């Protein structure tokens, strides 16, 4: 569904019925041999982009996927760092509590002597 954002936006911006247009485009793509069809951003009609000379080069798509993967990896690293620092602070707190001497009550508790 994420790849449908652009056709939906084009259909919406040109005033076409978004649901009908995107459904018709899906049907056109599913028919086979129609992978170059898209939405005309001016009229909202489904047209063969090859005839209009509009191409989405492989290099652009490949870079989009690479960037998405790098972003996901970066977010996972940040999550690991944050999780690790929380765990380390819990361990440090436990060590600190274990090393502190326990205070024992002395005397009768009547106050200062």
PDB file of N, CA and C in Angstrom:
ATOM      1  N   UNK A   1       0.811  -1.206   0.000  1.00  0.00           N
ATOM      2  CA  UNK A   1       0.000   0.000   0.000  1.00  0.00           C
ATOM      3  C   UNK A   1       0.853   1.268   0.000  1.00  0.00           C
ATOM      4  N   UNK A   2       2.068   1.154   0.480  1.00  0.00           N
ATOM      5  CA  UNK A   2       2.924   2.339   0.540  1.00  0.00           C
ATOM      6  C   UNK A   2       3.270   2.849  -0.845  1.00  0.00           C
ATOM      7  N   UNK A   3       3.361   1.953  -1.818  1.00  0.00           N
ATOM      8  CA  UNK A   3       3.689   2.375  -3.178  1.00  0.00           C
ATOM      9  C   UNK A   3       2.499   3.032  -3.879  1.00  0.00           C
ATOM     10  N   UNK A   4       1.328   2.952  -3.282  1.00  0.00           N
ATOM     11  CA  UNK A   4       0.144   3.569  -3.877  1.00  0.00           C
ATOM     12  C   UNK A   4      -0.033   5.027  -3.462  1.00  0.00           C
ATOM     13  N   UNK A   5       0.840   5.527  -2.642  1.00  0.00           N
ATOM     14  CA  UNK A   5       0.712   6.907  -2.172  1.00  0.00           C
ATOM     15  C   UNK A   5       0.762   7.889  -3.335  1.00  0.00           C
ATOM     16  N   UNK A   6       1.690   7.681  -4.255  1.00  0.00           N
ATOM     17  CA  UNK A   6       1.841   8.616  -5.373  1.00  0.00           C
ATOM     18  C   UNK A   6       0.619   8.607  -6.285  1.00  0.00           C
ATOM     19  N   UNK A   7       0.129   7.428  -6.740  1.00  0.00           N
ATOM     20  CA  UNK A   7      -1.079   7.452  -7.569  1.00  0.00           C
ATOM     21  C   UNK A   7      -2.289   8.036  -6.846  1.00  0.00           C
ATOM     22  N   UNK A   8      -2.424   7.718  -5.568  1.00  0.00           N
ATOM     23  CA  UNK A   8      -3.552   8.282  -4.800  1.00  0.00           C
ATOM     24  C   UNK A   8      -3.453   9.813  -4.740  1.00  0.00           C
ATOM     25  N   UNK A   9      -2.251  10.307  -4.486  1.00  0.00           N
ATOM     26  CA  UNK A   9      -2.052  11.750  -4.398  1.00  0.00           C
ATOM     27  C   UNK A   9      -2.320  12.424  -5.734  1.00  0.00           C
ATOM     28  N   UNK A  10      -1.840  11.818  -6.820  1.00  0.00           N
ATOM     29  CA  UNK A  10      -2.097  12.377  -8.147  1.00  0.00           C
ATOM     30  C   UNK A  10      -3.592  12.429  -8.437  1.00  0.00           C
ATOM     31  N   UNK A  11      -4.294  11.339  -8.143  1.00  0.00           N
ATOM     32  CA  UNK A  11      -5.738  11.293  -8.393  1.00  0.00           C
ATOM     33  C   UNK A  11      -6.472  12.328  -7.540  1.00  0.00           C
ATOM     34  N   UNK A  12      -6.073  12.457  -6.307  1.00  0.00           N
ATOM     35  CA  UNK A  12      -6.722  13.413  -5.407  1.00  0.00           C
ATOM     36  C   UNK A  12      -6.455  14.852  -5.847  1.00  0.00           C
ATOM     37  N   UNK A  13      -5.223  15.146  -6.235  1.00  0.00           N
ATOM     38  CA  UNK A  13      -4.865  16.517  -6.619  1.00  0.00           C
ATOM     39  C   UNK A  13      -5.534  16.970  -7.910  1.00  0.00           C
ATOM     40  N   UNK A  14      -5.838  16.034  -8.806  1.00  0.00           N
ATOM     41  CA  UNK A  14      -6.461  16.448 -10.065  1.00  0.00           C
ATOM     42  C   UNK A  14      -7.980  16.341 -10.001  1.00  0.00           C
ATOM     43  N   UNK A  15      -8.523  15.970  -8.854  1.00  0.00           N
ATOM     44  CA  UNK A  15      -9.977  15.971  -8.675  1.00  0.00           C
ATOM     45  C   UNK A  15     -10.667  14.701  -9.120  1.00  0.00           C
ATOM     46  N   UNK A  16      -9.920  13.647  -9.392  1.00  0.00           N
ATOM     47  CA  UNK A  16     -10.529  12.386  -9.819  1.00  0.00           C
ATOM     48  C   UNK A  16     -11.047  11.628  -8.599  1.00  0.00           C
ATOM     49  N   UNK A  17     -11.927  10.675  -8.849  1.00  0.00           N
ATOM     50  CA  UNK A  17     -12.414   9.802  -7.784  1.00  0.00           C
ATOM     51  C   UNK A  17     -11.260   8.860  -7.433  1.00  0.00           C
ATOM     52  N   UNK A  18     -10.703   9.023  -6.263  1.00  0.00           N
ATOM     53  CA  UNK A  18      -9.479   8.318  -5.871  1.00  0.00           C
ATOM     54  C   UNK A  18      -9.683   6.812  -5.859  1.00  0.00           C
ATOM     55  N   UNK A  19     -10.743   6.346  -5.251  1.00  0.00           N
ATOM     56  CA  UNK A  19     -10.954   4.904  -5.108  1.00  0.00           C
ATOM     57  C   UNK A  19     -11.149   4.254  -6.480  1.00  0.00           C
ATOM     58  N   UNK A  20     -11.999   4.848  -7.310  1.00  0.00           N
ATOM     59  CA  UNK A  20     -12.235   4.279  -8.653  1.00  0.00           C
ATOM     60  C   UNK A  20     -10.968   4.293  -9.498  1.00  0.00           C
ATOM     61  N   UNK A  21     -10.236   5.380  -9.443  1.00  0.00           N
ATOM     62  CA  UNK A  21      -9.043   5.514 -10.274  1.00  0.00           C
ATOM     63  C   UNK A  21      -7.965   4.525  -9.856  1.00  0.00           C
ATOM     64  N   UNK A  22      -7.702   4.418  -8.565  1.00  0.00           N
ATOM     65  CA  UNK A  22      -6.668   3.499  -8.088  1.00  0.00           C
ATOM     66  C   UNK A  22      -7.094   2.045  -8.332  1.00  0.00           C
ATOM     67  N   UNK A  23      -8.382   1.740  -8.161  1.00  0.00           N
ATOM     68  CA  UNK A  23      -8.875   0.389  -8.433  1.00  0.00           C
ATOM     69  C   UNK A  23      -8.725   0.044  -9.914  1.00  0.00           C
ATOM     70  N   UNK A  24      -9.051   0.997 -10.787  1.00  0.00           N
ATOM     71  CA  UNK A  24      -8.900   0.780 -12.229  1.00  0.00           C
ATOM     72  C   UNK A  24      -7.426   0.591 -12.598  1.00  0.00           C
ATOM     73  N   UNK A  25      -6.546   1.352 -11.954  1.00  0.00           N
ATOM     74  CA  UNK A  25      -5.114   1.214 -12.213  1.00  0.00           C
ATOM     75  C   UNK A  25      -4.608  -0.156 -11.762  1.00  0.00           C
ATOM     76  N   UNK A  26      -5.079  -0.628 -10.606  1.00  0.00           N
ATOM     77  CA  UNK A  26      -4.705  -1.969 -10.132  1.00  0.00           C
ATOM     78  C   UNK A  26      -5.160  -3.030 -11.125  1.00  0.00           C
ATOM     79  N   UNK A  27      -6.384  -2.898 -11.606  1.00  0.00           N
ATOM     80  CA  UNK A  27      -6.918  -3.860 -12.573  1.00  0.00           C
ATOM     81  C   UNK A  27      -6.096  -3.848 -13.858  1.00  0.00           C
ATOM     82  N   UNK A  28      -5.708  -2.668 -14.283  1.00  0.00           N
ATOM     83  CA  UNK A  28      -4.903  -2.536 -15.498  1.00  0.00           C
ATOM     84  C   UNK A  28      -3.553  -3.231 -15.314  1.00  0.00           C
ATOM     85  N   UNK A  29      -2.923  -3.034 -14.154  1.00  0.00           N
ATOM     86  CA  UNK A  29      -1.632  -3.673 -13.873  1.00  0.00           C
ATOM     87  C   UNK A  29      -1.777  -5.188 -13.748  1.00  0.00           C
ATOM     88  N   UNK A  30      -2.887  -5.640 -13.167  1.00  0.00           N
ATOM     89  CA  UNK A  30      -3.113  -7.076 -12.969  1.00  0.00           C
ATOM     90  C   UNK A  30      -3.367  -7.799 -14.290  1.00  0.00           C
ATOM     91  N   UNK A  31      -3.823  -7.073 -15.314  1.00  0.00           N
ATOM     92  CA  UNK A  31      -4.137  -7.684 -16.607  1.00  0.00           C
ATOM     93  C   UNK A  31      -2.887  -8.220 -17.295  1.00  0.00           C
ATOM     94  N   UNK A  32      -1.739  -7.757 -16.905  1.00  0.00           N
ATOM     95  CA  UNK A  32      -0.493  -8.243 -17.480  1.00  0.00           C
ATOM     96  C   UNK A  32      -0.081  -7.449 -18.702  1.00  0.00           C
ATOM     97  N   UNK A  33       1.183  -7.141 -18.784  1.00  0.00           N
ATOM     98  CA  UNK A  33       1.701  -6.379 -19.908  1.00  0.00           C
ATOM     99  C   UNK A  33       1.363  -4.905 -19.858  1.00  0.00           C
ATOM    100  N   UNK A  34       0.776  -4.478 -18.770  1.00  0.00           N
ATOM    101  CA  UNK A  34       0.367  -3.074 -18.622  1.00  0.00           C
ATOM    102  C   UNK A  34       1.093  -2.401 -17.459  1.00  0.00           C
ATOM    103  N   UNK A  35       2.313  -2.782 -17.236  1.00  0.00           N
ATOM    104  CA  UNK A  35       3.037  -2.264 -16.075  1.00  0.00           C
ATOM    105  C   UNK A  35       3.454  -0.808 -16.226  1.00  0.00           C
ATOM    106  N   UNK A  36       3.336  -0.257 -17.430  1.00  0.00           N
ATOM    107  CA  UNK A  36       3.752   1.138 -17.630  1.00  0.00           C
ATOM    108  C   UNK A  36       2.588   2.112 -17.518  1.00  0.00           C
ATOM    109  N   UNK A  37       1.418   1.626 -17.139  1.00  0.00           N
ATOM    110  CA  UNK A  37       0.271   2.519 -17.005  1.00  0.00           C
ATOM    111  C   UNK A  37       0.317   3.247 -15.675  1.00  0.00           C
ATOM    112  N   UNK A  38      -0.155   4.474 -15.677  1.00  0.00           N
ATOM    113  CA  UNK A  38      -0.184   5.302 -14.478  1.00  0.00           C
ATOM    114  C   UNK A  38      -1.298   6.328 -14.589  1.00  0.00           C
ATOM    115  N   UNK A  39      -1.310   7.271 -13.674  1.00  0.00           N
ATOM    116  CA  UNK A  39      -2.356   8.295 -13.624  1.00  0.00           C
ATOM    117  C   UNK A  39      -1.798   9.605 -14.149  1.00  0.00           C
ATOM    118  N   UNK A  40      -2.532  10.198 -15.078  1.00  0.00           N
ATOM    119  CA  UNK A  40      -2.186  11.525 -15.595  1.00  0.00           C
ATOM    120  C   UNK A  40      -2.505  12.536 -14.501  1.00  0.00           C
ATOM    121  N   UNK A  41      -1.501  13.276 -14.066  1.00  0.00           N
ATOM    122  CA  UNK A  41      -1.669  14.227 -12.971  1.00  0.00           C
ATOM    123  C   UNK A  41      -2.519  15.437 -13.311  1.00  0.00           C
ATOM    124  N   UNK A  42      -2.801  15.648 -14.588  1.00  0.00           N
ATOM    125  CA  UNK A  42      -3.630  16.790 -14.991  1.00  0.00           C
ATOM    126  C   UNK A  42      -5.099  16.417 -15.135  1.00  0.00           C
ATOM    127  N   UNK A  43      -5.357  15.251 -15.735  1.00  0.00           N
ATOM    128  CA  UNK A  43      -6.741  14.865 -16.015  1.00  0.00           C
ATOM    129  C   UNK A  43      -7.271  13.800 -15.082  1.00  0.00           C
ATOM    130  N   UNK A  44      -6.399  12.997 -14.480  1.00  0.00           N
ATOM    131  CA  UNK A  44      -6.841  11.903 -13.620  1.00  0.00           C
ATOM    132  C   UNK A  44      -7.130  10.640 -14.400  1.00  0.00           C
ATOM    133  N   UNK A  45      -6.890  10.653 -15.707  1.00  0.00           N
ATOM    134  CA  UNK A  45      -7.117   9.468 -16.534  1.00  0.00           C
ATOM    135  C   UNK A  45      -5.947   8.502 -16.405  1.00  0.00           C
ATOM    136  N   UNK A  46      -6.246   7.227 -16.662  1.00  0.00           N
ATOM    137  CA  UNK A  46      -5.196   6.215 -16.656  1.00  0.00           C
ATOM    138  C   UNK A  46      -4.610   6.167 -18.063  1.00  0.00           C
ATOM    139  N   UNK A  47      -3.300   6.373 -18.142  1.00  0.00           N
ATOM    140  CA  UNK A  47      -2.627   6.450 -19.440  1.00  0.00           C
ATOM    141  C   UNK A  47      -1.379   5.591 -19.429  1.00  0.00           C
ATOM    142  N   UNK A  48      -0.876   5.278 -20.628  1.00  0.00           N
ATOM    143  CA  UNK A  48       0.373   4.542 -20.754  1.00  0.00           C
ATOM    144  C   UNK A  48       1.516   5.556 -20.653  1.00  0.00           C
ATOM    145  N   UNK A  49       2.255   5.492 -19.595  1.00  0.00           N
ATOM    146  CA  UNK A  49       3.325   6.454 -19.350  1.00  0.00           C
ATOM    147  C   UNK A  49       4.441   6.342 -20.385  1.00  0.00           C
ATOM    148  N   UNK A  50       4.586   5.155 -20.973  1.00  0.00           N
ATOM    149  CA  UNK A  50       5.601   4.958 -22.004  1.00  0.00           C
ATOM    150  C   UNK A  50       5.316   5.868 -23.207  1.00  0.00           C
ATOM    151  N   UNK A  51       4.036   6.031 -23.553  1.00  0.00           N
ATOM    152  CA  UNK A  51       3.661   6.899 -24.671  1.00  0.00           C
ATOM    153  C   UNK A  51       3.948   8.371 -24.366  1.00  0.00           C
ATOM    154  N   UNK A  52       3.859   8.746 -23.105  1.00  0.00           N
ATOM    155  CA  UNK A  52       4.125  10.129 -22.699  1.00  0.00           C
ATOM    156  C   UNK A  52       5.612  10.379 -22.449  1.00  0.00           C
ATOM    157  N   UNK A  53       6.396   9.315 -22.484  1.00  0.00           N
ATOM    158  CA  UNK A  53       7.837   9.466 -22.280  1.00  0.00           C
ATOM    159  C   UNK A  53       8.219   9.662 -20.821  1.00  0.00           C
ATOM    160  N   UNK A  54       7.382   9.179 -19.916  1.00  0.00           N
ATOM    161  CA  UNK A  54       7.669   9.305 -18.482  1.00  0.00           C
ATOM    162  C   UNK A  54       8.178   7.960 -17.984  1.00  0.00           C
ATOM    163  N   UNK A  55       9.416   7.961 -17.498  1.00  0.00           N
ATOM    164  CA  UNK A  55      10.051   6.745 -17.012  1.00  0.00           C
ATOM    165  C   UNK A  55      10.554   6.966 -15.597  1.00  0.00           C
ATOM    166  N   UNK A  56      10.405   5.949 -14.791  1.00  0.00           N
ATOM    167  CA  UNK A  56      10.945   5.970 -13.441  1.00  0.00           C
ATOM    168  C   UNK A  56      12.169   5.063 -13.455  1.00  0.00           C
ATOM    169  N   UNK A  57      13.359   5.627 -13.521  1.00  0.00           N
ATOM    170  CA  UNK A  57      14.544   4.805 -13.708  1.00  0.00           C
ATOM    171  C   UNK A  57      14.826   3.874 -12.528  1.00  0.00           C
ATOM    172  N   UNK A  58      15.464   2.778 -12.859  1.00  0.00           N
ATOM    173  CA  UNK A  58      15.839   1.784 -11.860  1.00  0.00           C
ATOM    174  C   UNK A  58      16.709   2.393 -10.762  1.00  0.00           C
ATOM    175  N   UNK A  59      17.598   3.288 -11.156  1.00  0.00           N
ATOM    176  CA  UNK A  59      18.529   3.887 -10.188  1.00  0.00           C
ATOM    177  C   UNK A  59      17.780   4.605  -9.071  1.00  0.00           C
ATOM    178  N   UNK A  60      16.684   5.261  -9.409  1.00  0.00           N
ATOM    179  CA  UNK A  60      15.904   5.982  -8.390  1.00  0.00           C
ATOM    180  C   UNK A  60      15.251   4.988  -7.436  1.00  0.00           C
ATOM    181  N   UNK A  61      14.636   3.951  -7.988  1.00  0.00           N
ATOM    182  CA  UNK A  61      13.983   2.952  -7.139  1.00  0.00           C
ATOM    183  C   UNK A  61      14.998   2.243  -6.242  1.00  0.00           C
ATOM    184  N   UNK A  62      16.139   1.883  -6.810  1.00  0.00           N
ATOM    185  CA  UNK A  62      17.169   1.204  -6.024  1.00  0.00           C
ATOM    186  C   UNK A  62      17.649   2.092  -4.875  1.00  0.00           C
ATOM    187  N   UNK A  63      17.830   3.379  -5.131  1.00  0.00           N
ATOM    188  CA  UNK A  63      18.287   4.294  -4.087  1.00  0.00           C
ATOM    189  C   UNK A  63      17.236   4.455  -2.990  1.00  0.00           C
ATOM    190  N   UNK A  64      15.963   4.454  -3.368  1.00  0.00           N
ATOM    191  CA  UNK A  64      14.888   4.561  -2.379  1.00  0.00           C
ATOM    192  C   UNK A  64      14.925   3.364  -1.438  1.00  0.00           C
ATOM    193  N   UNK A  65      15.082   2.162  -2.005  1.00  0.00           N
ATOM    194  CA  UNK A  65      15.140   0.968  -1.165  1.00  0.00           C
ATOM    195  C   UNK A  65      16.388   0.968  -0.286  1.00  0.00           C
ATOM    196  N   UNK A  66      17.521   1.370  -0.819  1.00  0.00           N
ATOM    197  CA  UNK A  66      18.753   1.432  -0.026  1.00  0.00           C
ATOM    198  C   UNK A  66      18.604   2.405   1.138  1.00  0.00           C
ATOM    199  N   UNK A  67      18.030   3.562   0.853  1.00  0.00           N
ATOM    200  CA  UNK A  67      17.839   4.565   1.903  1.00  0.00           C
ATOM    201  C   UNK A  67      16.888   4.050   2.977  1.00  0.00           C
ATOM    202  N   UNK A  68      15.819   3.375   2.569  1.00  0.00           N
ATOM    203  CA  UNK A  68      14.865   2.827   3.539  1.00  0.00           C
ATOM    204  C   UNK A  68      15.528   1.787   4.431  1.00  0.00           C
ATOM    205  N   UNK A  69      16.350   0.933   3.846  1.00  0.00           N
ATOM    206  CA  UNK A  69      17.041  -0.095   4.624  1.00  0.00           C
ATOM    207  C   UNK A  69      18.043   0.538   5.587  1.00  0.00           C
ATOM    208  N   UNK A  70      18.804   1.517   5.111  1.00  0.00           N
ATOM    209  CA  UNK A  70      19.773   2.196   5.983  1.00  0.00           C
ATOM    210  C   UNK A  70      19.073   2.898   7.141  1.00  0.00           C
ATOM    211  N   UNK A  71      17.929   3.495   6.877  1.00  0.00           N
ATOM    212  CA  UNK A  71      17.170   4.170   7.930  1.00  0.00           C
ATOM    213  C   UNK A  71      16.675   3.171   8.964  1.00  0.00           C
ATOM    214  N   UNK A  72      16.160   2.038   8.501  1.00  0.00           N
ATOM    215  CA  UNK A  72      15.679   1.014   9.430  1.00  0.00           C
ATOM    216  C   UNK A  72      16.815   0.490  10.303  1.00  0.00           C
ATOM    217  N   UNK A  73      17.971   0.246   9.711  1.00  0.00           N
ATOM    218  CA  UNK A  73      19.133  -0.244  10.465  1.00  0.00           C
ATOM    219  C   UNK A  73      19.562   0.793  11.508  1.00  0.00           C
ATOM    220  N   UNK A  74      19.571   2.057  11.110  1.00  0.00           N
ATOM    221  CA  UNK A  74      19.950   3.121  12.038  1.00  0.00           C
ATOM    222  C   UNK A  74      18.991   3.188  13.225  1.00  0.00           C
ATOM    223  N   UNK A  75      17.703   3.081  12.955  1.00  0.00           N
ATOM    224  CA  UNK A  75      16.718   3.112  14.042  1.00  0.00           C
ATOM    225  C   UNK A  75      16.894   1.918  14.974  1.00  0.00           C
ATOM    226  N   UNK A  76      17.188   0.754  14.413  1.00  0.00           N
ATOM    227  CA  UNK A  76      17.413  -0.424  15.257  1.00  0.00           C
ATOM    228  C   UNK A  76      18.663  -0.255  16.113  1.00  0.00           C
ATOM    229  N   UNK A  77      19.708   0.345  15.568  1.00  0.00           N
ATOM    230  CA  UNK A  77      20.921   0.592  16.354  1.00  0.00           C
ATOM    231  C   UNK A  77      20.644   1.546  17.502  1.00  0.00           C
ATOM    232  N   UNK A  78      19.907   2.603  17.211  1.00  0.00           N
ATOM    233  CA  UNK A  78      19.564   3.566  18.261  1.00  0.00           C
ATOM    234  C   UNK A  78      18.748   2.878  19.338  1.00  0.00           C
ATOM    235  N   UNK A  79      17.801   2.022  18.933  1.00  0.00           N
ATOM    236  CA  UNK A  79      16.984   1.292  19.902  1.00  0.00           C
ATOM    237  C   UNK A  79      17.850   0.391  20.765  1.00  0.00           C
ATOM    238  N   UNK A  80      18.823  -0.295  20.149  1.00  0.00           N
ATOM    239  CA  UNK A  80      19.734  -1.155  20.912  1.00  0.00           C
ATOM    240  C   UNK A  80      20.548  -0.340  21.911  1.00  0.00           C
ATOM    241  N   UNK A  81      21.012   0.827  21.502  1.00  0.00           N
ATOM    242  CA  UNK A  81      21.807   1.675  22.391  1.00  0.00           C
ATOM    243  C   UNK A  81      20.969   2.142  23.570  1.00  0.00           C
ATOM    244  N   UNK A  82      19.755   2.590  23.292  1.00  0.00           N
ATOM    245  CA  UNK A  82      18.876   3.069  24.368  1.00  0.00           C
ATOM    246  C   UNK A  82      18.523   1.914  25.302  1.00  0.00           C
ATOM    247  N   UNK A  83      18.196   0.749  24.737  1.00  0.00           N
ATOM    248  CA  UNK A  83      17.867  -0.415  25.564  1.00  0.00           C
ATOM    249  C   UNK A  83      19.064  -0.828  26.404  1.00  0.00           C
ATOM    250  N   UNK A  84      20.243  -0.813  25.809  1.00  0.00           N
ATOM    251  CA  UNK A  84      21.456  -1.195  26.530  1.00  0.00           C
ATOM    252  C   UNK A  84      21.783  -0.244  27.654  1.00  0.00           C
ATOM    253  N   UNK A  85      21.574   1.057  27.438  1.00  0.00           N
ATOM    254  CA  UNK A  85      21.881   2.019  28.489  1.00  0.00           C
ATOM    255  C   UNK A  85      20.899   1.891  29.640  1.00  0.00           C
ATOM    256  N   UNK A  86      19.654   1.541  29.351  1.00  0.00           N
ATOM    257  CA  UNK A  86      18.685   1.344  30.423  1.00  0.00           C
ATOM    258  C   UNK A  86      19.053   0.122  31.239  1.00  0.00           C
ATOM    259  N   UNK A  87      19.435  -0.956  30.559  1.00  0.00           N
ATOM    260  CA  UNK A  87      19.825  -2.173  31.261  1.00  0.00           C
ATOM    261  C   UNK A  87      21.073  -1.924  32.101  1.00  0.00           C
ATOM    262  N   UNK A  88      22.046  -1.203  31.562  1.00  0.00           N
ATOM    263  CA  UNK A  88      23.286  -0.916  32.276  1.00  0.00           C
ATOM    264  C   UNK A  88      23.005  -0.059  33.500  1.00  0.00           C
ATOM    265  N   UNK A  89      22.102   0.903  33.395  1.00  0.00           N
ATOM    266  CA  UNK A  89      21.795   1.743  34.553  1.00  0.00           C
ATOM    267  C   UNK A  89      21.091   0.932  35.633  1.00  0.00           C
ATOM    268  N   UNK A  90      20.286  -0.067  35.240  1.00  0.00           N
ATOM    269  CA  UNK A  90      19.650  -0.939  36.228  1.00  0.00           C
ATOM    270  C   UNK A  90      20.694  -1.790  36.948  1.00  0.00           C
ATOM    271  N   UNK A  91      21.673  -2.314  36.202  1.00  0.00           N
ATOM    272  CA  UNK A  91      22.741  -3.126  36.795  1.00  0.00           C
ATOM    273  C   UNK A  91      23.578  -2.266  37.735  1.00  0.00           C
ATOM    274  N   UNK A  92      23.905  -1.049  37.317  1.00  0.00           N
ATOM    275  CA  UNK A  92      24.692  -0.143  38.158  1.00  0.00           C
ATOM    276  C   UNK A  92      23.948   0.171  39.449  1.00  0.00           C
ATOM    277  N   UNK A  93      22.647   0.368  39.376  1.00  0.00           N
ATOM    278  CA  UNK A  93      21.855   0.676  40.565  1.00  0.00           C
ATOM    279  C   UNK A  93      21.847  -0.515  41.518  1.00  0.00           C
ATOM    280  N   UNK A  94      21.762  -1.733  40.976  1.00  0.00           N
ATOM    281  CA  UNK A  94      21.782  -2.923  41.824  1.00  0.00           C
ATOM    282  C   UNK A  94      23.137  -3.088  42.505  1.00  0.00           C
ATOM    283  N   UNK A  95      24.227  -2.851  41.772  1.00  0.00           N
ATOM    284  CA  UNK A  95      25.569  -2.949  42.349  1.00  0.00           C
ATOM    285  C   UNK A  95      25.749  -1.917  43.451  1.00  0.00           C
ATOM    286  N   UNK A  96      25.263  -0.715  43.195  1.00  0.00           N
ATOM    287  CA  UNK A  96      25.401   0.366  44.172  1.00  0.00           C
ATOM    288  C   UNK A  96      24.647   0.023  45.450  1.00  0.00           C
ATOM    289  N   UNK A  97      23.449  -0.524  45.291  1.00  0.00           N
ATOM    290  CA  UNK A  97      22.643  -0.891  46.453  1.00  0.00           C
ATOM    291  C   UNK A  97      23.298  -2.039  47.228  1.00  0.00           C
ATOM    292  N   UNK A  98      23.916  -2.965  46.532  1.00  0.00           N
ATOM    293  CA  UNK A  98      24.556  -4.113  47.192  1.00  0.00           C
ATOM    294  C   UNK A  98      25.819  -3.693  47.936  1.00  0.00           C
ATOM    295  N   UNK A  99      26.514  -2.664  47.459  1.00  0.00           N
ATOM    296  CA  UNK A  99      27.767  -2.235  48.073  1.00  0.00           C
ATOM    297  C   UNK A  99      27.569  -1.275  49.244  1.00  0.00           C
ATOM    298  N   UNK A 100      26.403  -0.708  49.379  1.00  0.00           N
ATOM    299  CA  UNK A 100      26.179   0.228  50.485  1.00  0.00           C
ATOM    300  C   UNK A 100      25.986  -0.557  51.777  1.00  0.00           C
ATOM    301  N   UNK A 101      26.636  -0.092  52.861  1.00  0.00           N
ATOM    302  CA  UNK A 101      26.469  -0.786  54.148  1.00  0.00           C
ATOM    303  C   UNK A 101      25.050  -0.554  54.671  1.00  0.00           C
ATOM    304  N   UNK A 102      24.545  -1.609  55.289  1.00  0.00           N
ATOM    305  CA  UNK A 102      23.196  -1.497  55.841  1.00  0.00           C
ATOM    306  C   UNK A 102      23.287  -0.787  57.176  1.00  0.00           C
ATOM    307  N   UNK A 103      22.360   0.124  57.405  1.00  0.00           N
ATOM    308  CA  UNK A 103      22.362   0.885  58.647  1.00  0.00           C
ATOM    309  C   UNK A 103      21.576   0.102  59.697  1.00  0.00           C
ATOM    310  N   UNK A 104      22.227  -0.119  60.835  1.00  0.00           N
ATOM    311  CA  UNK A 104      21.559  -0.833  61.921  1.00  0.00           C
ATOM    312  C   UNK A 104      21.206   0.153  63.006  1.00  0.00           C
ATOM    313  N   UNK A 105      20.098  -0.126  63.622  1.00  0.00           N
ATOM    314  CA  UNK A 105      19.696   0.760  64.718  1.00  0.00           C
ATOM    315  C   UNK A 105      20.470   0.376  65.983  1.00  0.00           C
ATOM    316  N   UNK A 106      20.962   1.400  66.661  1.00  0.00           N
ATOM    317  CA  UNK A 106      21.660   1.152  67.911  1.00  0.00           C
ATOM    318  C   UNK A 106      20.948   1.921  69.003  1.00  0.00           C
ATOM    319  N   UNK A 107      21.084   1.434  70.163  1.00  0.00           N
ATOM    320  CA  UNK A 107      20.488   2.128  71.302  1.00  0.00           C
ATOM    321  C   UNK A 107      19.026   1.746  71.455  1.00  0.00           C
ATOM    322  N   UNK A 108      18.402   2.418  72.394  1.00  0.00           N
ATOM    323  CA  UNK A 108      17.031   2.095  72.728  1.00  0.00           C
ATOM    324  C   UNK A 108      16.028   2.861  71.934  1.00  0.00           C
ATOM    325  N   UNK A 109      16.474   3.816  71.195  1.00  0.00           N
ATOM    326  CA  UNK A 109      15.555   4.576  70.393  1.00  0.00           C
ATOM    327  C   UNK A 109      14.912   5.713  71.161  1.00  0.00           C
ATOM    328  N   UNK A 110      15.472   6.094  72.330  1.00  0.00           N
ATOM    329  CA  UNK A 110      14.905   7.159  73.139  1.00  0.00           C
ATOM    330  C   UNK A 110      15.379   8.507  72.701  1.00  0.00           C
ATOM    331  N   UNK A 111      16.264   8.550  71.791  1.00  0.00           N
ATOM    332  CA  UNK A 111      16.784   9.842  71.378  1.00  0.00           C
ATOM    333  C   UNK A 111      18.269   9.888  71.599  1.00  0.00           C
ATOM    334  N   UNK A 112      18.884  11.078  71.456  1.00  0.00           N
ATOM    335  CA  UNK A 112      20.332  11.193  71.614  1.00  0.00           C
ATOM    336  C   UNK A 112      20.733  10.966  73.069  1.00  0.00           C
ATOM    337  N   UNK A 113      21.908  10.370  73.250  1.00  0.00           N
ATOM    338  CA  UNK A 113      22.365  10.092  74.610  1.00  0.00           C
ATOM    339  C   UNK A 113      23.407  11.043  75.041  1.00  0.00           C
TER     340      UNK A 113
END
